[in-house]
Amino acid sequence: MNEGSNNPETYSLEQNYPNPFNPSTSIQFRIPENSFVTLKIYNVLGKEITTLVNEKLNTGKYEIEWNASEYPSGVYFYQLKTNDFAETKKMILVK
């Protein structure tokens, strides 16, 4: 997980890159205050398949890489949650 030194003013969850991807992709997000953060991946049926982040993080910009080589092609969703924020985005794995 990479952490930036800048201090974001708002929460944000960026679109993963690349998208579509094979087999790994990067997810960037920003948090404006120290927060307990979870970043989870769900399949198209809404079943949680993995947790990428589940910890208290300091203010900053973060980048997480997800290697999906053990998962089948398809549509997946990733969700960032804190006490004050939640956002979900879609991504596509193409093998």
Protein backbone atom coordinates (compact mmCIF):
# COMPACT_ATOMS: atom_id res chain seq x y z
CA MET A 1 0.00 0.00 0.00
CA ASN A 2 1.45 3.34 -1.03
CA GLU A 3 0.71 6.42 1.02
CA GLY A 4 1.00 9.98 -0.21
CA SER A 5 2.06 12.94 1.89
CA ASN A 6 -0.66 15.31 0.70
CA ASN A 7 -3.72 15.98 2.85
CA PRO A 8 -6.95 15.48 0.92
CA GLU A 9 -9.95 17.63 1.83
CA THR A 10 -12.63 15.05 0.97
CA TYR A 11 -13.07 11.31 0.79
CA SER A 12 -12.74 9.86 -2.69
CA LEU A 13 -12.58 6.47 -4.37
CA GLU A 14 -11.05 6.49 -7.83
CA GLN A 15 -11.87 4.19 -10.74
CA ASN A 16 -9.47 1.27 -10.81
CA TYR A 17 -6.76 1.28 -13.48
CA PRO A 18 -6.50 -0.42 -15.84
CA ASN A 19 -10.13 -1.37 -16.37
CA PRO A 20 -10.77 -3.92 -17.85
CA PHE A 21 -7.75 -5.64 -16.32
CA ASN A 22 -5.87 -8.95 -16.33
CA PRO A 23 -4.78 -10.14 -13.81
CA SER A 24 -4.08 -7.12 -11.55
CA THR A 25 -5.39 -3.60 -11.12
CA SER A 26 -4.70 -0.57 -8.91
CA ILE A 27 -7.30 1.14 -6.73
CA GLN A 28 -6.63 4.63 -5.36
CA PHE A 29 -8.50 6.37 -2.58
CA ARG A 30 -8.14 9.43 -0.37
CA ILE A 31 -9.16 9.97 3.24
CA PRO A 32 -9.21 13.48 4.79
CA GLU A 33 -8.91 12.36 8.43
CA ASN A 34 -7.56 9.42 10.40
CA SER A 35 -10.21 6.73 9.96
CA PHE A 36 -10.86 3.02 10.24
CA VAL A 37 -11.04 1.96 6.58
CA THR A 38 -12.25 -1.16 4.83
CA LEU A 39 -11.80 -1.85 1.12
CA LYS A 40 -13.57 -5.02 -0.01
CA ILE A 41 -14.10 -6.79 -3.32
CA TYR A 42 -17.47 -8.35 -4.19
CA ASN A 43 -18.56 -10.57 -7.07
CA VAL A 44 -21.52 -9.75 -9.30
CA LEU A 45 -23.86 -11.61 -6.91
CA GLY A 46 -22.80 -9.33 -4.05
CA LYS A 47 -20.75 -11.98 -2.25
CA GLU A 48 -17.63 -10.64 -0.54
CA ILE A 49 -14.61 -12.40 -2.02
CA THR A 50 -11.68 -10.58 -0.41
CA THR A 51 -10.72 -7.72 1.90
CA LEU A 52 -7.83 -5.52 0.75
CA VAL A 53 -7.83 -3.04 3.67
CA ASN A 54 -9.25 -3.46 7.18
CA GLU A 55 -7.35 -1.08 9.46
CA LYS A 56 -7.02 2.43 10.82
CA LEU A 57 -5.28 4.70 8.31
CA ASN A 58 -3.87 8.19 8.58
CA THR A 59 -4.99 11.10 6.41
CA GLY A 60 -3.65 10.73 2.88
CA LYS A 61 -3.81 9.20 -0.56
CA TYR A 62 -3.46 5.43 -0.88
CA GLU A 63 -3.02 2.99 -3.73
CA ILE A 64 -3.76 -0.72 -3.40
CA GLU A 65 -3.05 -3.39 -6.00
CA TRP A 66 -5.41 -6.34 -6.38
CA ASN A 67 -4.15 -9.47 -8.13
CA ALA A 68 -7.21 -11.38 -9.36
CA SER A 69 -5.35 -14.24 -11.02
CA GLU A 70 -7.26 -16.81 -8.93
CA TYR A 71 -10.69 -15.42 -9.89
CA PRO A 72 -12.72 -15.99 -13.09
CA SER A 73 -13.41 -13.33 -15.71
CA GLY A 74 -16.38 -11.15 -14.94
CA VAL A 75 -17.72 -8.03 -13.27
CA TYR A 76 -16.56 -7.21 -9.74
CA PHE A 77 -17.33 -4.38 -7.35
CA TYR A 78 -15.02 -2.71 -4.85
CA GLN A 79 -16.30 -0.77 -1.87
CA LEU A 80 -14.50 1.73 0.36
CA LYS A 81 -16.09 2.30 3.78
CA THR A 82 -15.25 4.52 6.75
CA ASN A 83 -17.42 5.89 9.57
CA ASP A 84 -18.38 8.89 7.41
CA PHE A 85 -18.15 7.60 3.84
CA ALA A 86 -19.03 4.68 1.61
CA GLU A 87 -18.64 4.31 -2.15
CA THR A 88 -18.76 1.39 -4.55
CA LYS A 89 -17.38 1.13 -8.08
CA LYS A 90 -17.44 -1.51 -10.79
CA MET A 91 -14.49 -3.19 -12.50
CA ILE A 92 -14.12 -5.87 -15.15
CA LEU A 93 -11.67 -8.78 -15.13
CA VAL A 94 -10.98 -10.16 -18.61
CA LYS A 95 -8.79 -13.24 -19.00
